[in-house]
PDB file of N, CA and C in Angstrom:
ATOM      1  N   UNK A   1     114.479  68.761  54.521  1.00  0.00           N
ATOM      2  CA  UNK A   1     112.990  68.307  54.398  1.00  0.00           C
ATOM      3  C   UNK A   1     112.475  67.236  55.420  1.00  0.00           C
ATOM      4  N   UNK A   2     113.325  66.557  55.941  1.00  0.00           N
ATOM      5  CA  UNK A   2     112.845  65.618  57.136  1.00  0.00           C
ATOM      6  C   UNK A   2     112.243  66.510  58.217  1.00  0.00           C
ATOM      7  N   UNK A   3     112.537  67.479  58.427  1.00  0.00           N
ATOM      8  CA  UNK A   3     111.983  68.261  59.429  1.00  0.00           C
ATOM      9  C   UNK A   3     110.586  68.609  59.169  1.00  0.00           C
ATOM     10  N   UNK A   4     110.346  69.209  58.075  1.00  0.00           N
ATOM     11  CA  UNK A   4     108.970  69.555  57.485  1.00  0.00           C
ATOM     12  C   UNK A   4     108.061  68.264  57.442  1.00  0.00           C
ATOM     13  N   UNK A   5     108.491  67.335  56.527  1.00  0.00           N
ATOM     14  CA  UNK A   5     107.881  66.377  56.065  1.00  0.00           C
ATOM     15  C   UNK A   5     107.595  65.322  57.409  1.00  0.00           C
ATOM     16  N   UNK A   6     108.684  65.239  58.135  1.00  0.00           N
ATOM     17  CA  UNK A   6     108.629  64.300  59.247  1.00  0.00           C
ATOM     18  C   UNK A   6     107.618  64.683  60.371  1.00  0.00           C
ATOM     19  N   UNK A   7     107.634  66.044  60.547  1.00  0.00           N
ATOM     20  CA  UNK A   7     106.750  66.581  61.679  1.00  0.00           C
ATOM     21  C   UNK A   7     105.291  66.366  61.152  1.00  0.00           C
ATOM     22  N   UNK A   8     105.054  66.735  59.795  1.00  0.00           N
ATOM     23  CA  UNK A   8     103.916  66.512  59.310  1.00  0.00           C
ATOM     24  C   UNK A   8     103.404  65.238  59.536  1.00  0.00           C
ATOM     25  N   UNK A   9     104.087  64.143  59.158  1.00  0.00           N
ATOM     26  CA  UNK A   9     103.476  62.717  59.186  1.00  0.00           C
ATOM     27  C   UNK A   9     103.475  62.333  60.480  1.00  0.00           C
ATOM     28  N   UNK A  10     104.321  62.862  61.454  1.00  0.00           N
ATOM     29  CA  UNK A  10     104.080  62.538  62.902  1.00  0.00           C
ATOM     30  C   UNK A  10     102.854  62.904  63.386  1.00  0.00           C
ATOM     31  N   UNK A  11     102.306  64.197  62.805  1.00  0.00           N
ATOM     32  CA  UNK A  11     101.012  64.574  63.100  1.00  0.00           C
ATOM     33  C   UNK A  11      99.701  64.330  62.374  1.00  0.00           C
ATOM     34  N   UNK A  12      99.893  63.930  61.181  1.00  0.00           N
ATOM     35  CA  UNK A  12      99.003  63.739  60.325  1.00  0.00           C
ATOM     36  C   UNK A  12      98.642  62.100  59.727  1.00  0.00           C
ATOM     37  N   UNK A  13      99.950  61.340  59.824  1.00  0.00           N
ATOM     38  CA  UNK A  13      99.992  60.113  58.954  1.00  0.00           C
ATOM     39  C   UNK A  13      98.749  59.291  59.486  1.00  0.00           C
ATOM     40  N   UNK A  14      98.334  59.166  60.799  1.00  0.00           N
ATOM     41  CA  UNK A  14      97.454  58.160  61.142  1.00  0.00           C
ATOM     42  C   UNK A  14      96.144  58.301  60.531  1.00  0.00           C
ATOM     43  N   UNK A  15      95.939  59.547  60.180  1.00  0.00           N
ATOM     44  CA  UNK A  15      94.590  59.938  59.411  1.00  0.00           C
ATOM     45  C   UNK A  15      94.704  60.041  58.005  1.00  0.00           C
ATOM     46  N   UNK A  16      95.616  59.444  57.192  1.00  0.00           N
ATOM     47  CA  UNK A  16      95.998  59.508  55.816  1.00  0.00           C
ATOM     48  C   UNK A  16      94.988  58.300  55.266  1.00  0.00           C
ATOM     49  N   UNK A  17      94.667  58.600  54.234  1.00  0.00           N
ATOM     50  CA  UNK A  17      93.771  57.768  53.373  1.00  0.00           C
ATOM     51  C   UNK A  17      94.773  56.971  52.501  1.00  0.00           C
ATOM     52  N   UNK A  18      94.327  55.832  51.879  1.00  0.00           N
ATOM     53  CA  UNK A  18      95.357  55.100  51.065  1.00  0.00           C
ATOM     54  C   UNK A  18      96.030  55.931  50.027  1.00  0.00           C
ATOM     55  N   UNK A  19      95.023  56.742  49.482  1.00  0.00           N
ATOM     56  CA  UNK A  19      95.492  57.750  48.389  1.00  0.00           C
ATOM     57  C   UNK A  19      96.555  58.788  48.945  1.00  0.00           C
ATOM     58  N   UNK A  20      96.156  59.349  50.175  1.00  0.00           N
ATOM     59  CA  UNK A  20      97.025  60.325  50.569  1.00  0.00           C
ATOM     60  C   UNK A  20      98.399  59.674  51.115  1.00  0.00           C
ATOM     61  N   UNK A  21      98.402  58.640  51.621  1.00  0.00           N
ATOM     62  CA  UNK A  21      99.650  57.717  51.892  1.00  0.00           C
ATOM     63  C   UNK A  21     100.627  57.910  50.608  1.00  0.00           C
ATOM     64  N   UNK A  22      99.884  57.362  49.492  1.00  0.00           N
ATOM     65  CA  UNK A  22     100.611  57.002  48.328  1.00  0.00           C
ATOM     66  C   UNK A  22     101.361  58.600  47.797  1.00  0.00           C
ATOM     67  N   UNK A  23     100.377  59.618  47.975  1.00  0.00           N
ATOM     68  CA  UNK A  23     100.988  60.881  47.759  1.00  0.00           C
ATOM     69  C   UNK A  23     102.004  61.147  48.782  1.00  0.00           C
ATOM     70  N   UNK A  24     101.994  61.053  49.780  1.00  0.00           N
ATOM     71  CA  UNK A  24     103.166  61.524  50.692  1.00  0.00           C
ATOM     72  C   UNK A  24     104.448  60.455  50.220  1.00  0.00           C
ATOM     73  N   UNK A  25     104.267  59.265  50.014  1.00  0.00           N
ATOM     74  CA  UNK A  25     105.308  58.575  49.576  1.00  0.00           C
ATOM     75  C   UNK A  25     106.030  59.264  48.378  1.00  0.00           C
ATOM     76  N   UNK A  26     105.075  59.667  47.509  1.00  0.00           N
ATOM     77  CA  UNK A  26     105.619  60.352  46.086  1.00  0.00           C
ATOM     78  C   UNK A  26     106.427  61.400  46.592  1.00  0.00           C
ATOM     79  N   UNK A  27     105.967  62.456  47.513  1.00  0.00           N
ATOM     80  CA  UNK A  27     106.857  63.532  47.885  1.00  0.00           C
ATOM     81  C   UNK A  27     108.233  63.175  48.392  1.00  0.00           C
ATOM     82  N   UNK A  28     108.406  61.854  48.943  1.00  0.00           N
ATOM     83  CA  UNK A  28     109.722  61.593  49.500  1.00  0.00           C
ATOM     84  C   UNK A  28     110.683  61.205  48.447  1.00  0.00           C
ATOM     85  N   UNK A  29     110.289  61.126  47.209  1.00  0.00           N
ATOM     86  CA  UNK A  29     111.109  60.925  46.100  1.00  0.00           C
ATOM     87  C   UNK A  29     111.627  62.434  45.276  1.00  0.00           C
ATOM     88  N   UNK A  30     110.978  63.390  45.690  1.00  0.00           N
ATOM     89  CA  UNK A  30     111.061  64.566  45.165  1.00  0.00           C
ATOM     90  C   UNK A  30     112.419  65.297  45.877  1.00  0.00           C
ATOM     91  N   UNK A  31     113.367  65.919  44.966  1.00  0.00           N
ATOM     92  CA  UNK A  31     114.664  66.532  45.571  1.00  0.00           C
ATOM     93  C   UNK A  31     114.124  67.553  46.732  1.00  0.00           C
ATOM     94  N   UNK A  32     114.849  67.615  47.843  1.00  0.00           N
ATOM     95  CA  UNK A  32     114.359  68.408  48.918  1.00  0.00           C
ATOM     96  C   UNK A  32     114.299  69.990  48.500  1.00  0.00           C
ATOM     97  N   UNK A  33     115.223  70.351  47.624  1.00  0.00           N
ATOM     98  CA  UNK A  33     115.102  71.825  47.206  1.00  0.00           C
ATOM     99  C   UNK A  33     113.961  72.108  46.336  1.00  0.00           C
ATOM    100  N   UNK A  34     113.411  71.150  45.648  1.00  0.00           N
ATOM    101  CA  UNK A  34     112.401  71.405  44.839  1.00  0.00           C
ATOM    102  C   UNK A  34     111.033  71.384  45.715  1.00  0.00           C
ATOM    103  N   UNK A  35     110.916  70.575  46.541  1.00  0.00           N
ATOM    104  CA  UNK A  35     109.717  70.312  47.459  1.00  0.00           C
ATOM    105  C   UNK A  35     109.760  71.549  48.491  1.00  0.00           C
ATOM    106  N   UNK A  36     110.818  71.961  48.998  1.00  0.00           N
ATOM    107  CA  UNK A  36     110.761  73.048  49.801  1.00  0.00           C
ATOM    108  C   UNK A  36     110.533  74.249  48.993  1.00  0.00           C
ATOM    109  N   UNK A  37     110.868  74.353  47.764  1.00  0.00           N
ATOM    110  CA  UNK A  37     110.381  75.642  47.038  1.00  0.00           C
ATOM    111  C   UNK A  37     108.853  75.885  46.767  1.00  0.00           C
ATOM    112  N   UNK A  38     108.299  74.625  46.726  1.00  0.00           N
ATOM    113  CA  UNK A  38     106.843  74.522  46.547  1.00  0.00           C
ATOM    114  C   UNK A  38     106.041  74.775  47.838  1.00  0.00           C
ATOM    115  N   UNK A  39     106.645  74.127  48.977  1.00  0.00           N
ATOM    116  CA  UNK A  39     106.126  74.226  50.222  1.00  0.00           C
ATOM    117  C   UNK A  39     105.942  75.835  50.770  1.00  0.00           C
ATOM    118  N   UNK A  40     107.337  76.467  50.536  1.00  0.00           N
ATOM    119  CA  UNK A  40     107.634  77.833  50.912  1.00  0.00           C
ATOM    120  C   UNK A  40     106.893  78.912  50.025  1.00  0.00           C
ATOM    121  N   UNK A  41     106.308  78.393  48.874  1.00  0.00           N
ATOM    122  CA  UNK A  41     105.693  79.372  47.954  1.00  0.00           C
ATOM    123  C   UNK A  41     106.718  79.960  47.000  1.00  0.00           C
ATOM    124  N   UNK A  42     107.975  79.760  47.074  1.00  0.00           N
ATOM    125  CA  UNK A  42     108.992  80.381  46.176  1.00  0.00           C
ATOM    126  C   UNK A  42     108.613  79.874  44.859  1.00  0.00           C
ATOM    127  N   UNK A  43     108.074  78.913  44.578  1.00  0.00           N
ATOM    128  CA  UNK A  43     107.615  78.471  43.122  1.00  0.00           C
ATOM    129  C   UNK A  43     106.205  77.858  43.306  1.00  0.00           C
ATOM    130  N   UNK A  44     105.560  78.138  42.342  1.00  0.00           N
ATOM    131  CA  UNK A  44     104.152  77.161  42.193  1.00  0.00           C
ATOM    132  C   UNK A  44     104.352  75.800  42.087  1.00  0.00           C
ATOM    133  N   UNK A  45     103.450  74.890  42.889  1.00  0.00           N
ATOM    134  CA  UNK A  45     103.748  73.483  42.775  1.00  0.00           C
ATOM    135  C   UNK A  45     102.799  73.190  41.522  1.00  0.00           C
ATOM    136  N   UNK A  46     103.367  72.139  40.909  1.00  0.00           N
ATOM    137  CA  UNK A  46     102.658  71.470  39.590  1.00  0.00           C
ATOM    138  C   UNK A  46     101.329  70.979  40.128  1.00  0.00           C
ATOM    139  N   UNK A  47     100.359  71.162  39.180  1.00  0.00           N
ATOM    140  CA  UNK A  47      98.778  70.600  39.512  1.00  0.00           C
ATOM    141  C   UNK A  47      98.794  69.381  39.969  1.00  0.00           C
ATOM    142  N   UNK A  48      99.569  68.606  39.830  1.00  0.00           N
ATOM    143  CA  UNK A  48      99.605  67.082  40.098  1.00  0.00           C
ATOM    144  C   UNK A  48     100.061  66.960  41.795  1.00  0.00           C
ATOM    145  N   UNK A  49     100.845  67.854  42.128  1.00  0.00           N
ATOM    146  CA  UNK A  49     101.451  68.089  43.521  1.00  0.00           C
ATOM    147  C   UNK A  49     100.473  68.788  44.389  1.00  0.00           C
ATOM    148  N   UNK A  50      99.975  70.102  43.778  1.00  0.00           N
ATOM    149  CA  UNK A  50      99.060  71.007  44.610  1.00  0.00           C
ATOM    150  C   UNK A  50      97.717  70.334  44.764  1.00  0.00           C
ATOM    151  N   UNK A  51      97.612  69.534  45.668  1.00  0.00           N
ATOM    152  CA  UNK A  51      96.394  68.591  46.169  1.00  0.00           C
ATOM    153  C   UNK A  51      96.084  69.150  47.453  1.00  0.00           C
ATOM    154  N   UNK A  52      94.866  68.766  47.705  1.00  0.00           N
ATOM    155  CA  UNK A  52      94.514  69.064  49.169  1.00  0.00           C
ATOM    156  C   UNK A  52      95.326  68.695  50.375  1.00  0.00           C
ATOM    157  N   UNK A  53      95.799  67.587  49.999  1.00  0.00           N
ATOM    158  CA  UNK A  53      97.059  67.236  51.137  1.00  0.00           C
ATOM    159  C   UNK A  53      98.196  67.895  51.167  1.00  0.00           C
ATOM    160  N   UNK A  54      98.636  68.585  49.903  1.00  0.00           N
ATOM    161  CA  UNK A  54      99.678  69.326  49.903  1.00  0.00           C
ATOM    162  C   UNK A  54      99.465  70.713  50.663  1.00  0.00           C
ATOM    163  N   UNK A  55      98.306  71.208  50.285  1.00  0.00           N
ATOM    164  CA  UNK A  55      97.816  72.390  50.856  1.00  0.00           C
ATOM    165  C   UNK A  55      97.820  72.453  52.309  1.00  0.00           C
ATOM    166  N   UNK A  56      97.421  71.107  52.903  1.00  0.00           N
ATOM    167  CA  UNK A  56      97.366  70.972  54.288  1.00  0.00           C
ATOM    168  C   UNK A  56      98.940  70.953  54.797  1.00  0.00           C
ATOM    169  N   UNK A  57      99.836  70.391  54.175  1.00  0.00           N
ATOM    170  CA  UNK A  57     101.155  70.476  54.380  1.00  0.00           C
ATOM    171  C   UNK A  57     101.647  71.978  54.534  1.00  0.00           C
ATOM    172  N   UNK A  58     101.289  72.715  53.493  1.00  0.00           N
ATOM    173  CA  UNK A  58     101.816  73.939  53.458  1.00  0.00           C
ATOM    174  C   UNK A  58     101.132  74.875  54.704  1.00  0.00           C
ATOM    175  N   UNK A  59     100.095  74.554  55.066  1.00  0.00           N
ATOM    176  CA  UNK A  59      99.107  75.332  56.270  1.00  0.00           C
ATOM    177  C   UNK A  59     100.058  74.833  57.426  1.00  0.00           C
ATOM    178  N   UNK A  60     100.476  73.614  57.517  1.00  0.00           N
ATOM    179  CA  UNK A  60     101.131  72.852  58.656  1.00  0.00           C
ATOM    180  C   UNK A  60     102.549  73.587  59.047  1.00  0.00           C
ATOM    181  N   UNK A  61     103.177  73.779  57.723  1.00  0.00           N
ATOM    182  CA  UNK A  61     104.223  74.482  57.819  1.00  0.00           C
ATOM    183  C   UNK A  61     104.265  76.074  58.232  1.00  0.00           C
ATOM    184  N   UNK A  62     103.278  76.659  57.763  1.00  0.00           N
ATOM    185  CA  UNK A  62     102.857  77.936  57.981  1.00  0.00           C
ATOM    186  C   UNK A  62     102.707  78.199  59.488  1.00  0.00           C
ATOM    187  N   UNK A  63     102.384  77.311  60.066  1.00  0.00           N
ATOM    188  CA  UNK A  63     101.945  77.370  61.729  1.00  0.00           C
ATOM    189  C   UNK A  63     103.299  77.186  62.443  1.00  0.00           C
ATOM    190  N   UNK A  64     104.303  77.103  61.747  1.00  0.00           N
ATOM    191  CA  UNK A  64     105.729  76.945  62.440  1.00  0.00           C
ATOM    192  C   UNK A  64     105.977  75.447  62.842  1.00  0.00           C
ATOM    193  N   UNK A  65     105.338  74.419  62.182  1.00  0.00           N
ATOM    194  CA  UNK A  65     105.388  72.981  62.141  1.00  0.00           C
ATOM    195  C   UNK A  65     104.667  72.890  63.548  1.00  0.00           C
TER     196      UNK A  65
END
């Protein structure tokens, strides 16, 4: 997950609001397999995870990082 989250952070972190920063930090506590299943669309993400920032992450991943 470091590959996905790390590249997303490198590209987007400077523009995060305090709320988005807290959300991103929450993702770091989620097991890699689980967050990857949500990002890849293998499983639907829970409502509290499926936020505008998470959708940006999925779009970022979809562009090949």
